[in-house]
Amino acid sequence: AQLYVSEATIKKHIQNIYQKFGAT
């Protein structure tokens, strides 16, 4: 809501963040 994008887009960003940090 804050970024005016869909939740699916946010989930994609989160997956990328987890991957770069080596988190699950």
PDBML (XML) file of the C-alpha atoms, coordinates in Angstrom:
<?xml version="1.0" encoding="UTF-8" ?>
<PDBx:datablock datablockName="MODEL"
   xmlns:PDBx="http://pdbml.pdb.org/schema/pdbx-v50.xsd"
   xmlns:xsi="http://www.w3.org/2001/XMLSchema-instance"
   xsi:schemaLocation="http://pdbml.pdb.org/schema/pdbx-v50.xsd pdbx-v50.xsd">
   <PDBx:atom_siteCategory>
      <PDBx:atom_site id="1">
         <PDBx:B_iso_or_equiv>0.00</PDBx:B_iso_or_equiv>
         <PDBx:Cartn_x>0.000</PDBx:Cartn_x>
         <PDBx:Cartn_y>0.000</PDBx:Cartn_y>
         <PDBx:Cartn_z>0.000</PDBx:Cartn_z>
         <PDBx:auth_asym_id>A</PDBx:auth_asym_id>
         <PDBx:auth_atom_id>CA</PDBx:auth_atom_id>
         <PDBx:auth_comp_id>ALA</PDBx:auth_comp_id>
         <PDBx:auth_seq_id>1</PDBx:auth_seq_id>
         <PDBx:group_PDB>ATOM</PDBx:group_PDB>
         <PDBx:label_alt_id xsi:nil="true" />
         <PDBx:label_asym_id>A</PDBx:label_asym_id>
         <PDBx:label_atom_id>CA</PDBx:label_atom_id>
         <PDBx:label_comp_id>ALA</PDBx:label_comp_id>
         <PDBx:label_entity_id>1</PDBx:label_entity_id>
         <PDBx:label_seq_id>1</PDBx:label_seq_id>
         <PDBx:occupancy>1.00</PDBx:occupancy>
         <PDBx:pdbx_PDB_model_num>1</PDBx:pdbx_PDB_model_num>
         <PDBx:type_symbol>C</PDBx:type_symbol>
      </PDBx:atom_site>
      <PDBx:atom_site id="2">
         <PDBx:B_iso_or_equiv>0.00</PDBx:B_iso_or_equiv>
         <PDBx:Cartn_x>2.837</PDBx:Cartn_x>
         <PDBx:Cartn_y>2.375</PDBx:Cartn_y>
         <PDBx:Cartn_z>0.845</PDBx:Cartn_z>
         <PDBx:auth_asym_id>A</PDBx:auth_asym_id>
         <PDBx:auth_atom_id>CA</PDBx:auth_atom_id>
         <PDBx:auth_comp_id>GLN</PDBx:auth_comp_id>
         <PDBx:auth_seq_id>2</PDBx:auth_seq_id>
         <PDBx:group_PDB>ATOM</PDBx:group_PDB>
         <PDBx:label_alt_id xsi:nil="true" />
         <PDBx:label_asym_id>A</PDBx:label_asym_id>
         <PDBx:label_atom_id>CA</PDBx:label_atom_id>
         <PDBx:label_comp_id>GLN</PDBx:label_comp_id>
         <PDBx:label_entity_id>1</PDBx:label_entity_id>
         <PDBx:label_seq_id>2</PDBx:label_seq_id>
         <PDBx:occupancy>1.00</PDBx:occupancy>
         <PDBx:pdbx_PDB_model_num>1</PDBx:pdbx_PDB_model_num>
         <PDBx:type_symbol>C</PDBx:type_symbol>
      </PDBx:atom_site>
      <PDBx:atom_site id="3">
         <PDBx:B_iso_or_equiv>0.00</PDBx:B_iso_or_equiv>
         <PDBx:Cartn_x>4.649</PDBx:Cartn_x>
         <PDBx:Cartn_y>1.687</PDBx:Cartn_y>
         <PDBx:Cartn_z>-2.430</PDBx:Cartn_z>
         <PDBx:auth_asym_id>A</PDBx:auth_asym_id>
         <PDBx:auth_atom_id>CA</PDBx:auth_atom_id>
         <PDBx:auth_comp_id>LEU</PDBx:auth_comp_id>
         <PDBx:auth_seq_id>3</PDBx:auth_seq_id>
         <PDBx:group_PDB>ATOM</PDBx:group_PDB>
         <PDBx:label_alt_id xsi:nil="true" />
         <PDBx:label_asym_id>A</PDBx:label_asym_id>
         <PDBx:label_atom_id>CA</PDBx:label_atom_id>
         <PDBx:label_comp_id>LEU</PDBx:label_comp_id>
         <PDBx:label_entity_id>1</PDBx:label_entity_id>
         <PDBx:label_seq_id>3</PDBx:label_seq_id>
         <PDBx:occupancy>1.00</PDBx:occupancy>
         <PDBx:pdbx_PDB_model_num>1</PDBx:pdbx_PDB_model_num>
         <PDBx:type_symbol>C</PDBx:type_symbol>
      </PDBx:atom_site>
      <PDBx:atom_site id="4">
         <PDBx:B_iso_or_equiv>0.00</PDBx:B_iso_or_equiv>
         <PDBx:Cartn_x>1.452</PDBx:Cartn_x>
         <PDBx:Cartn_y>1.548</PDBx:Cartn_y>
         <PDBx:Cartn_z>-4.526</PDBx:Cartn_z>
         <PDBx:auth_asym_id>A</PDBx:auth_asym_id>
         <PDBx:auth_atom_id>CA</PDBx:auth_atom_id>
         <PDBx:auth_comp_id>TYR</PDBx:auth_comp_id>
         <PDBx:auth_seq_id>4</PDBx:auth_seq_id>
         <PDBx:group_PDB>ATOM</PDBx:group_PDB>
         <PDBx:label_alt_id xsi:nil="true" />
         <PDBx:label_asym_id>A</PDBx:label_asym_id>
         <PDBx:label_atom_id>CA</PDBx:label_atom_id>
         <PDBx:label_comp_id>TYR</PDBx:label_comp_id>
         <PDBx:label_entity_id>1</PDBx:label_entity_id>
         <PDBx:label_seq_id>4</PDBx:label_seq_id>
         <PDBx:occupancy>1.00</PDBx:occupancy>
         <PDBx:pdbx_PDB_model_num>1</PDBx:pdbx_PDB_model_num>
         <PDBx:type_symbol>C</PDBx:type_symbol>
      </PDBx:atom_site>
      <PDBx:atom_site id="5">
         <PDBx:B_iso_or_equiv>0.00</PDBx:B_iso_or_equiv>
         <PDBx:Cartn_x>2.254</PDBx:Cartn_x>
         <PDBx:Cartn_y>-1.903</PDBx:Cartn_y>
         <PDBx:Cartn_z>-5.895</PDBx:Cartn_z>
         <PDBx:auth_asym_id>A</PDBx:auth_asym_id>
         <PDBx:auth_atom_id>CA</PDBx:auth_atom_id>
         <PDBx:auth_comp_id>VAL</PDBx:auth_comp_id>
         <PDBx:auth_seq_id>5</PDBx:auth_seq_id>
         <PDBx:group_PDB>ATOM</PDBx:group_PDB>
         <PDBx:label_alt_id xsi:nil="true" />
         <PDBx:label_asym_id>A</PDBx:label_asym_id>
         <PDBx:label_atom_id>CA</PDBx:label_atom_id>
         <PDBx:label_comp_id>VAL</PDBx:label_comp_id>
         <PDBx:label_entity_id>1</PDBx:label_entity_id>
         <PDBx:label_seq_id>5</PDBx:label_seq_id>
         <PDBx:occupancy>1.00</PDBx:occupancy>
         <PDBx:pdbx_PDB_model_num>1</PDBx:pdbx_PDB_model_num>
         <PDBx:type_symbol>C</PDBx:type_symbol>
      </PDBx:atom_site>
      <PDBx:atom_site id="6">
         <PDBx:B_iso_or_equiv>0.00</PDBx:B_iso_or_equiv>
         <PDBx:Cartn_x>0.693</PDBx:Cartn_x>
         <PDBx:Cartn_y>-5.338</PDBx:Cartn_y>
         <PDBx:Cartn_z>-5.588</PDBx:Cartn_z>
         <PDBx:auth_asym_id>A</PDBx:auth_asym_id>
         <PDBx:auth_atom_id>CA</PDBx:auth_atom_id>
         <PDBx:auth_comp_id>SER</PDBx:auth_comp_id>
         <PDBx:auth_seq_id>6</PDBx:auth_seq_id>
         <PDBx:group_PDB>ATOM</PDBx:group_PDB>
         <PDBx:label_alt_id xsi:nil="true" />
         <PDBx:label_asym_id>A</PDBx:label_asym_id>
         <PDBx:label_atom_id>CA</PDBx:label_atom_id>
         <PDBx:label_comp_id>SER</PDBx:label_comp_id>
         <PDBx:label_entity_id>1</PDBx:label_entity_id>
         <PDBx:label_seq_id>6</PDBx:label_seq_id>
         <PDBx:occupancy>1.00</PDBx:occupancy>
         <PDBx:pdbx_PDB_model_num>1</PDBx:pdbx_PDB_model_num>
         <PDBx:type_symbol>C</PDBx:type_symbol>
      </PDBx:atom_site>
      <PDBx:atom_site id="7">
         <PDBx:B_iso_or_equiv>0.00</PDBx:B_iso_or_equiv>
         <PDBx:Cartn_x>1.488</PDBx:Cartn_x>
         <PDBx:Cartn_y>-7.804</PDBx:Cartn_y>
         <PDBx:Cartn_z>-2.806</PDBx:Cartn_z>
         <PDBx:auth_asym_id>A</PDBx:auth_asym_id>
         <PDBx:auth_atom_id>CA</PDBx:auth_atom_id>
         <PDBx:auth_comp_id>GLU</PDBx:auth_comp_id>
         <PDBx:auth_seq_id>7</PDBx:auth_seq_id>
         <PDBx:group_PDB>ATOM</PDBx:group_PDB>
         <PDBx:label_alt_id xsi:nil="true" />
         <PDBx:label_asym_id>A</PDBx:label_asym_id>
         <PDBx:label_atom_id>CA</PDBx:label_atom_id>
         <PDBx:label_comp_id>GLU</PDBx:label_comp_id>
         <PDBx:label_entity_id>1</PDBx:label_entity_id>
         <PDBx:label_seq_id>7</PDBx:label_seq_id>
         <PDBx:occupancy>1.00</PDBx:occupancy>
         <PDBx:pdbx_PDB_model_num>1</PDBx:pdbx_PDB_model_num>
         <PDBx:type_symbol>C</PDBx:type_symbol>
      </PDBx:atom_site>
      <PDBx:atom_site id="8">
         <PDBx:B_iso_or_equiv>0.00</PDBx:B_iso_or_equiv>
         <PDBx:Cartn_x>2.833</PDBx:Cartn_x>
         <PDBx:Cartn_y>-10.176</PDBx:Cartn_y>
         <PDBx:Cartn_z>-5.453</PDBx:Cartn_z>
         <PDBx:auth_asym_id>A</PDBx:auth_asym_id>
         <PDBx:auth_atom_id>CA</PDBx:auth_atom_id>
         <PDBx:auth_comp_id>ALA</PDBx:auth_comp_id>
         <PDBx:auth_seq_id>8</PDBx:auth_seq_id>
         <PDBx:group_PDB>ATOM</PDBx:group_PDB>
         <PDBx:label_alt_id xsi:nil="true" />
         <PDBx:label_asym_id>A</PDBx:label_asym_id>
         <PDBx:label_atom_id>CA</PDBx:label_atom_id>
         <PDBx:label_comp_id>ALA</PDBx:label_comp_id>
         <PDBx:label_entity_id>1</PDBx:label_entity_id>
         <PDBx:label_seq_id>8</PDBx:label_seq_id>
         <PDBx:occupancy>1.00</PDBx:occupancy>
         <PDBx:pdbx_PDB_model_num>1</PDBx:pdbx_PDB_model_num>
         <PDBx:type_symbol>C</PDBx:type_symbol>
      </PDBx:atom_site>
      <PDBx:atom_site id="9">
         <PDBx:B_iso_or_equiv>0.00</PDBx:B_iso_or_equiv>
         <PDBx:Cartn_x>5.463</PDBx:Cartn_x>
         <PDBx:Cartn_y>-7.583</PDBx:Cartn_y>
         <PDBx:Cartn_z>-6.379</PDBx:Cartn_z>
         <PDBx:auth_asym_id>A</PDBx:auth_asym_id>
         <PDBx:auth_atom_id>CA</PDBx:auth_atom_id>
         <PDBx:auth_comp_id>THR</PDBx:auth_comp_id>
         <PDBx:auth_seq_id>9</PDBx:auth_seq_id>
         <PDBx:group_PDB>ATOM</PDBx:group_PDB>
         <PDBx:label_alt_id xsi:nil="true" />
         <PDBx:label_asym_id>A</PDBx:label_asym_id>
         <PDBx:label_atom_id>CA</PDBx:label_atom_id>
         <PDBx:label_comp_id>THR</PDBx:label_comp_id>
         <PDBx:label_entity_id>1</PDBx:label_entity_id>
         <PDBx:label_seq_id>9</PDBx:label_seq_id>
         <PDBx:occupancy>1.00</PDBx:occupancy>
         <PDBx:pdbx_PDB_model_num>1</PDBx:pdbx_PDB_model_num>
         <PDBx:type_symbol>C</PDBx:type_symbol>
      </PDBx:atom_site>
      <PDBx:atom_site id="10">
         <PDBx:B_iso_or_equiv>0.00</PDBx:B_iso_or_equiv>
         <PDBx:Cartn_x>6.387</PDBx:Cartn_x>
         <PDBx:Cartn_y>-7.116</PDBx:Cartn_y>
         <PDBx:Cartn_z>-2.742</PDBx:Cartn_z>
         <PDBx:auth_asym_id>A</PDBx:auth_asym_id>
         <PDBx:auth_atom_id>CA</PDBx:auth_atom_id>
         <PDBx:auth_comp_id>ILE</PDBx:auth_comp_id>
         <PDBx:auth_seq_id>10</PDBx:auth_seq_id>
         <PDBx:group_PDB>ATOM</PDBx:group_PDB>
         <PDBx:label_alt_id xsi:nil="true" />
         <PDBx:label_asym_id>A</PDBx:label_asym_id>
         <PDBx:label_atom_id>CA</PDBx:label_atom_id>
         <PDBx:label_comp_id>ILE</PDBx:label_comp_id>
         <PDBx:label_entity_id>1</PDBx:label_entity_id>
         <PDBx:label_seq_id>10</PDBx:label_seq_id>
         <PDBx:occupancy>1.00</PDBx:occupancy>
         <PDBx:pdbx_PDB_model_num>1</PDBx:pdbx_PDB_model_num>
         <PDBx:type_symbol>C</PDBx:type_symbol>
      </PDBx:atom_site>
      <PDBx:atom_site id="11">
         <PDBx:B_iso_or_equiv>0.00</PDBx:B_iso_or_equiv>
         <PDBx:Cartn_x>6.736</PDBx:Cartn_x>
         <PDBx:Cartn_y>-10.886</PDBx:Cartn_y>
         <PDBx:Cartn_z>-2.300</PDBx:Cartn_z>
         <PDBx:auth_asym_id>A</PDBx:auth_asym_id>
         <PDBx:auth_atom_id>CA</PDBx:auth_atom_id>
         <PDBx:auth_comp_id>LYS</PDBx:auth_comp_id>
         <PDBx:auth_seq_id>11</PDBx:auth_seq_id>
         <PDBx:group_PDB>ATOM</PDBx:group_PDB>
         <PDBx:label_alt_id xsi:nil="true" />
         <PDBx:label_asym_id>A</PDBx:label_asym_id>
         <PDBx:label_atom_id>CA</PDBx:label_atom_id>
         <PDBx:label_comp_id>LYS</PDBx:label_comp_id>
         <PDBx:label_entity_id>1</PDBx:label_entity_id>
         <PDBx:label_seq_id>11</PDBx:label_seq_id>
         <PDBx:occupancy>1.00</PDBx:occupancy>
         <PDBx:pdbx_PDB_model_num>1</PDBx:pdbx_PDB_model_num>
         <PDBx:type_symbol>C</PDBx:type_symbol>
      </PDBx:atom_site>
      <PDBx:atom_site id="12">
         <PDBx:B_iso_or_equiv>0.00</PDBx:B_iso_or_equiv>
         <PDBx:Cartn_x>9.070</PDBx:Cartn_x>
         <PDBx:Cartn_y>-10.965</PDBx:Cartn_y>
         <PDBx:Cartn_z>-5.296</PDBx:Cartn_z>
         <PDBx:auth_asym_id>A</PDBx:auth_asym_id>
         <PDBx:auth_atom_id>CA</PDBx:auth_atom_id>
         <PDBx:auth_comp_id>LYS</PDBx:auth_comp_id>
         <PDBx:auth_seq_id>12</PDBx:auth_seq_id>
         <PDBx:group_PDB>ATOM</PDBx:group_PDB>
         <PDBx:label_alt_id xsi:nil="true" />
         <PDBx:label_asym_id>A</PDBx:label_asym_id>
         <PDBx:label_atom_id>CA</PDBx:label_atom_id>
         <PDBx:label_comp_id>LYS</PDBx:label_comp_id>
         <PDBx:label_entity_id>1</PDBx:label_entity_id>
         <PDBx:label_seq_id>12</PDBx:label_seq_id>
         <PDBx:occupancy>1.00</PDBx:occupancy>
         <PDBx:pdbx_PDB_model_num>1</PDBx:pdbx_PDB_model_num>
         <PDBx:type_symbol>C</PDBx:type_symbol>
      </PDBx:atom_site>
      <PDBx:atom_site id="13">
         <PDBx:B_iso_or_equiv>0.00</PDBx:B_iso_or_equiv>
         <PDBx:Cartn_x>11.207</PDBx:Cartn_x>
         <PDBx:Cartn_y>-8.207</PDBx:Cartn_y>
         <PDBx:Cartn_z>-3.756</PDBx:Cartn_z>
         <PDBx:auth_asym_id>A</PDBx:auth_asym_id>
         <PDBx:auth_atom_id>CA</PDBx:auth_atom_id>
         <PDBx:auth_comp_id>HIS</PDBx:auth_comp_id>
         <PDBx:auth_seq_id>13</PDBx:auth_seq_id>
         <PDBx:group_PDB>ATOM</PDBx:group_PDB>
         <PDBx:label_alt_id xsi:nil="true" />
         <PDBx:label_asym_id>A</PDBx:label_asym_id>
         <PDBx:label_atom_id>CA</PDBx:label_atom_id>
         <PDBx:label_comp_id>HIS</PDBx:label_comp_id>
         <PDBx:label_entity_id>1</PDBx:label_entity_id>
         <PDBx:label_seq_id>13</PDBx:label_seq_id>
         <PDBx:occupancy>1.00</PDBx:occupancy>
         <PDBx:pdbx_PDB_model_num>1</PDBx:pdbx_PDB_model_num>
         <PDBx:type_symbol>C</PDBx:type_symbol>
      </PDBx:atom_site>
      <PDBx:atom_site id="14">
         <PDBx:B_iso_or_equiv>0.00</PDBx:B_iso_or_equiv>
         <PDBx:Cartn_x>11.268</PDBx:Cartn_x>
         <PDBx:Cartn_y>-10.076</PDBx:Cartn_y>
         <PDBx:Cartn_z>-0.448</PDBx:Cartn_z>
         <PDBx:auth_asym_id>A</PDBx:auth_asym_id>
         <PDBx:auth_atom_id>CA</PDBx:auth_atom_id>
         <PDBx:auth_comp_id>ILE</PDBx:auth_comp_id>
         <PDBx:auth_seq_id>14</PDBx:auth_seq_id>
         <PDBx:group_PDB>ATOM</PDBx:group_PDB>
         <PDBx:label_alt_id xsi:nil="true" />
         <PDBx:label_asym_id>A</PDBx:label_asym_id>
         <PDBx:label_atom_id>CA</PDBx:label_atom_id>
         <PDBx:label_comp_id>ILE</PDBx:label_comp_id>
         <PDBx:label_entity_id>1</PDBx:label_entity_id>
         <PDBx:label_seq_id>14</PDBx:label_seq_id>
         <PDBx:occupancy>1.00</PDBx:occupancy>
         <PDBx:pdbx_PDB_model_num>1</PDBx:pdbx_PDB_model_num>
         <PDBx:type_symbol>C</PDBx:type_symbol>
      </PDBx:atom_site>
      <PDBx:atom_site id="15">
         <PDBx:B_iso_or_equiv>0.00</PDBx:B_iso_or_equiv>
         <PDBx:Cartn_x>12.398</PDBx:Cartn_x>
         <PDBx:Cartn_y>-13.284</PDBx:Cartn_y>
         <PDBx:Cartn_z>-2.148</PDBx:Cartn_z>
         <PDBx:auth_asym_id>A</PDBx:auth_asym_id>
         <PDBx:auth_atom_id>CA</PDBx:auth_atom_id>
         <PDBx:auth_comp_id>GLN</PDBx:auth_comp_id>
         <PDBx:auth_seq_id>15</PDBx:auth_seq_id>
         <PDBx:group_PDB>ATOM</PDBx:group_PDB>
         <PDBx:label_alt_id xsi:nil="true" />
         <PDBx:label_asym_id>A</PDBx:label_asym_id>
         <PDBx:label_atom_id>CA</PDBx:label_atom_id>
         <PDBx:label_comp_id>GLN</PDBx:label_comp_id>
         <PDBx:label_entity_id>1</PDBx:label_entity_id>
         <PDBx:label_seq_id>15</PDBx:label_seq_id>
         <PDBx:occupancy>1.00</PDBx:occupancy>
         <PDBx:pdbx_PDB_model_num>1</PDBx:pdbx_PDB_model_num>
         <PDBx:type_symbol>C</PDBx:type_symbol>
      </PDBx:atom_site>
      <PDBx:atom_site id="16">
         <PDBx:B_iso_or_equiv>0.00</PDBx:B_iso_or_equiv>
         <PDBx:Cartn_x>15.267</PDBx:Cartn_x>
         <PDBx:Cartn_y>-11.379</PDBx:Cartn_y>
         <PDBx:Cartn_z>-3.754</PDBx:Cartn_z>
         <PDBx:auth_asym_id>A</PDBx:auth_asym_id>
         <PDBx:auth_atom_id>CA</PDBx:auth_atom_id>
         <PDBx:auth_comp_id>ASN</PDBx:auth_comp_id>
         <PDBx:auth_seq_id>16</PDBx:auth_seq_id>
         <PDBx:group_PDB>ATOM</PDBx:group_PDB>
         <PDBx:label_alt_id xsi:nil="true" />
         <PDBx:label_asym_id>A</PDBx:label_asym_id>
         <PDBx:label_atom_id>CA</PDBx:label_atom_id>
         <PDBx:label_comp_id>ASN</PDBx:label_comp_id>
         <PDBx:label_entity_id>1</PDBx:label_entity_id>
         <PDBx:label_seq_id>16</PDBx:label_seq_id>
         <PDBx:occupancy>1.00</PDBx:occupancy>
         <PDBx:pdbx_PDB_model_num>1</PDBx:pdbx_PDB_model_num>
         <PDBx:type_symbol>C</PDBx:type_symbol>
      </PDBx:atom_site>
      <PDBx:atom_site id="17">
         <PDBx:B_iso_or_equiv>0.00</PDBx:B_iso_or_equiv>
         <PDBx:Cartn_x>16.212</PDBx:Cartn_x>
         <PDBx:Cartn_y>-9.830</PDBx:Cartn_y>
         <PDBx:Cartn_z>-0.406</PDBx:Cartn_z>
         <PDBx:auth_asym_id>A</PDBx:auth_asym_id>
         <PDBx:auth_atom_id>CA</PDBx:auth_atom_id>
         <PDBx:auth_comp_id>ILE</PDBx:auth_comp_id>
         <PDBx:auth_seq_id>17</PDBx:auth_seq_id>
         <PDBx:group_PDB>ATOM</PDBx:group_PDB>
         <PDBx:label_alt_id xsi:nil="true" />
         <PDBx:label_asym_id>A</PDBx:label_asym_id>
         <PDBx:label_atom_id>CA</PDBx:label_atom_id>
         <PDBx:label_comp_id>ILE</PDBx:label_comp_id>
         <PDBx:label_entity_id>1</PDBx:label_entity_id>
         <PDBx:label_seq_id>17</PDBx:label_seq_id>
         <PDBx:occupancy>1.00</PDBx:occupancy>
         <PDBx:pdbx_PDB_model_num>1</PDBx:pdbx_PDB_model_num>
         <PDBx:type_symbol>C</PDBx:type_symbol>
      </PDBx:atom_site>
      <PDBx:atom_site id="18">
         <PDBx:B_iso_or_equiv>0.00</PDBx:B_iso_or_equiv>
         <PDBx:Cartn_x>16.202</PDBx:Cartn_x>
         <PDBx:Cartn_y>-13.221</PDBx:Cartn_y>
         <PDBx:Cartn_z>1.337</PDBx:Cartn_z>
         <PDBx:auth_asym_id>A</PDBx:auth_asym_id>
         <PDBx:auth_atom_id>CA</PDBx:auth_atom_id>
         <PDBx:auth_comp_id>TYR</PDBx:auth_comp_id>
         <PDBx:auth_seq_id>18</PDBx:auth_seq_id>
         <PDBx:group_PDB>ATOM</PDBx:group_PDB>
         <PDBx:label_alt_id xsi:nil="true" />
         <PDBx:label_asym_id>A</PDBx:label_asym_id>
         <PDBx:label_atom_id>CA</PDBx:label_atom_id>
         <PDBx:label_comp_id>TYR</PDBx:label_comp_id>
         <PDBx:label_entity_id>1</PDBx:label_entity_id>
         <PDBx:label_seq_id>18</PDBx:label_seq_id>
         <PDBx:occupancy>1.00</PDBx:occupancy>
         <PDBx:pdbx_PDB_model_num>1</PDBx:pdbx_PDB_model_num>
         <PDBx:type_symbol>C</PDBx:type_symbol>
      </PDBx:atom_site>
      <PDBx:atom_site id="19">
         <PDBx:B_iso_or_equiv>0.00</PDBx:B_iso_or_equiv>
         <PDBx:Cartn_x>18.308</PDBx:Cartn_x>
         <PDBx:Cartn_y>-14.694</PDBx:Cartn_y>
         <PDBx:Cartn_z>-1.440</PDBx:Cartn_z>
         <PDBx:auth_asym_id>A</PDBx:auth_asym_id>
         <PDBx:auth_atom_id>CA</PDBx:auth_atom_id>
         <PDBx:auth_comp_id>GLN</PDBx:auth_comp_id>
         <PDBx:auth_seq_id>19</PDBx:auth_seq_id>
         <PDBx:group_PDB>ATOM</PDBx:group_PDB>
         <PDBx:label_alt_id xsi:nil="true" />
         <PDBx:label_asym_id>A</PDBx:label_asym_id>
         <PDBx:label_atom_id>CA</PDBx:label_atom_id>
         <PDBx:label_comp_id>GLN</PDBx:label_comp_id>
         <PDBx:label_entity_id>1</PDBx:label_entity_id>
         <PDBx:label_seq_id>19</PDBx:label_seq_id>
         <PDBx:occupancy>1.00</PDBx:occupancy>
         <PDBx:pdbx_PDB_model_num>1</PDBx:pdbx_PDB_model_num>
         <PDBx:type_symbol>C</PDBx:type_symbol>
      </PDBx:atom_site>
      <PDBx:atom_site id="20">
         <PDBx:B_iso_or_equiv>0.00</PDBx:B_iso_or_equiv>
         <PDBx:Cartn_x>20.925</PDBx:Cartn_x>
         <PDBx:Cartn_y>-11.934</PDBx:Cartn_y>
         <PDBx:Cartn_z>-1.226</PDBx:Cartn_z>
         <PDBx:auth_asym_id>A</PDBx:auth_asym_id>
         <PDBx:auth_atom_id>CA</PDBx:auth_atom_id>
         <PDBx:auth_comp_id>LYS</PDBx:auth_comp_id>
         <PDBx:auth_seq_id>20</PDBx:auth_seq_id>
         <PDBx:group_PDB>ATOM</PDBx:group_PDB>
         <PDBx:label_alt_id xsi:nil="true" />
         <PDBx:label_asym_id>A</PDBx:label_asym_id>
         <PDBx:label_atom_id>CA</PDBx:label_atom_id>
         <PDBx:label_comp_id>LYS</PDBx:label_comp_id>
         <PDBx:label_entity_id>1</PDBx:label_entity_id>
         <PDBx:label_seq_id>20</PDBx:label_seq_id>
         <PDBx:occupancy>1.00</PDBx:occupancy>
         <PDBx:pdbx_PDB_model_num>1</PDBx:pdbx_PDB_model_num>
         <PDBx:type_symbol>C</PDBx:type_symbol>
      </PDBx:atom_site>
      <PDBx:atom_site id="21">
         <PDBx:B_iso_or_equiv>0.00</PDBx:B_iso_or_equiv>
         <PDBx:Cartn_x>21.084</PDBx:Cartn_x>
         <PDBx:Cartn_y>-12.143</PDBx:Cartn_y>
         <PDBx:Cartn_z>2.579</PDBx:Cartn_z>
         <PDBx:auth_asym_id>A</PDBx:auth_asym_id>
         <PDBx:auth_atom_id>CA</PDBx:auth_atom_id>
         <PDBx:auth_comp_id>PHE</PDBx:auth_comp_id>
         <PDBx:auth_seq_id>21</PDBx:auth_seq_id>
         <PDBx:group_PDB>ATOM</PDBx:group_PDB>
         <PDBx:label_alt_id xsi:nil="true" />
         <PDBx:label_asym_id>A</PDBx:label_asym_id>
         <PDBx:label_atom_id>CA</PDBx:label_atom_id>
         <PDBx:label_comp_id>PHE</PDBx:label_comp_id>
         <PDBx:label_entity_id>1</PDBx:label_entity_id>
         <PDBx:label_seq_id>21</PDBx:label_seq_id>
         <PDBx:occupancy>1.00</PDBx:occupancy>
         <PDBx:pdbx_PDB_model_num>1</PDBx:pdbx_PDB_model_num>
         <PDBx:type_symbol>C</PDBx:type_symbol>
      </PDBx:atom_site>
      <PDBx:atom_site id="22">
         <PDBx:B_iso_or_equiv>0.00</PDBx:B_iso_or_equiv>
         <PDBx:Cartn_x>21.051</PDBx:Cartn_x>
         <PDBx:Cartn_y>-15.930</PDBx:Cartn_y>
         <PDBx:Cartn_z>2.620</PDBx:Cartn_z>
         <PDBx:auth_asym_id>A</PDBx:auth_asym_id>
         <PDBx:auth_atom_id>CA</PDBx:auth_atom_id>
         <PDBx:auth_comp_id>GLY</PDBx:auth_comp_id>
         <PDBx:auth_seq_id>22</PDBx:auth_seq_id>
         <PDBx:group_PDB>ATOM</PDBx:group_PDB>
         <PDBx:label_alt_id xsi:nil="true" />
         <PDBx:label_asym_id>A</PDBx:label_asym_id>
         <PDBx:label_atom_id>CA</PDBx:label_atom_id>
         <PDBx:label_comp_id>GLY</PDBx:label_comp_id>
         <PDBx:label_entity_id>1</PDBx:label_entity_id>
         <PDBx:label_seq_id>22</PDBx:label_seq_id>
         <PDBx:occupancy>1.00</PDBx:occupancy>
         <PDBx:pdbx_PDB_model_num>1</PDBx:pdbx_PDB_model_num>
         <PDBx:type_symbol>C</PDBx:type_symbol>
      </PDBx:atom_site>
      <PDBx:atom_site id="23">
         <PDBx:B_iso_or_equiv>0.00</PDBx:B_iso_or_equiv>
         <PDBx:Cartn_x>17.883</PDBx:Cartn_x>
         <PDBx:Cartn_y>-15.913</PDBx:Cartn_y>
         <PDBx:Cartn_z>4.722</PDBx:Cartn_z>
         <PDBx:auth_asym_id>A</PDBx:auth_asym_id>
         <PDBx:auth_atom_id>CA</PDBx:auth_atom_id>
         <PDBx:auth_comp_id>ALA</PDBx:auth_comp_id>
         <PDBx:auth_seq_id>23</PDBx:auth_seq_id>
         <PDBx:group_PDB>ATOM</PDBx:group_PDB>
         <PDBx:label_alt_id xsi:nil="true" />
         <PDBx:label_asym_id>A</PDBx:label_asym_id>
         <PDBx:label_atom_id>CA</PDBx:label_atom_id>
         <PDBx:label_comp_id>ALA</PDBx:label_comp_id>
         <PDBx:label_entity_id>1</PDBx:label_entity_id>
         <PDBx:label_seq_id>23</PDBx:label_seq_id>
         <PDBx:occupancy>1.00</PDBx:occupancy>
         <PDBx:pdbx_PDB_model_num>1</PDBx:pdbx_PDB_model_num>
         <PDBx:type_symbol>C</PDBx:type_symbol>
      </PDBx:atom_site>
      <PDBx:atom_site id="24">
         <PDBx:B_iso_or_equiv>0.00</PDBx:B_iso_or_equiv>
         <PDBx:Cartn_x>14.810</PDBx:Cartn_x>
         <PDBx:Cartn_y>-18.131</PDBx:Cartn_y>
         <PDBx:Cartn_z>4.615</PDBx:Cartn_z>
         <PDBx:auth_asym_id>A</PDBx:auth_asym_id>
         <PDBx:auth_atom_id>CA</PDBx:auth_atom_id>
         <PDBx:auth_comp_id>THR</PDBx:auth_comp_id>
         <PDBx:auth_seq_id>24</PDBx:auth_seq_id>
         <PDBx:group_PDB>ATOM</PDBx:group_PDB>
         <PDBx:label_alt_id xsi:nil="true" />
         <PDBx:label_asym_id>A</PDBx:label_asym_id>
         <PDBx:label_atom_id>CA</PDBx:label_atom_id>
         <PDBx:label_comp_id>THR</PDBx:label_comp_id>
         <PDBx:label_entity_id>1</PDBx:label_entity_id>
         <PDBx:label_seq_id>24</PDBx:label_seq_id>
         <PDBx:occupancy>1.00</PDBx:occupancy>
         <PDBx:pdbx_PDB_model_num>1</PDBx:pdbx_PDB_model_num>
         <PDBx:type_symbol>C</PDBx:type_symbol>
      </PDBx:atom_site>
   </PDBx:atom_siteCategory>
</PDBx:datablock>
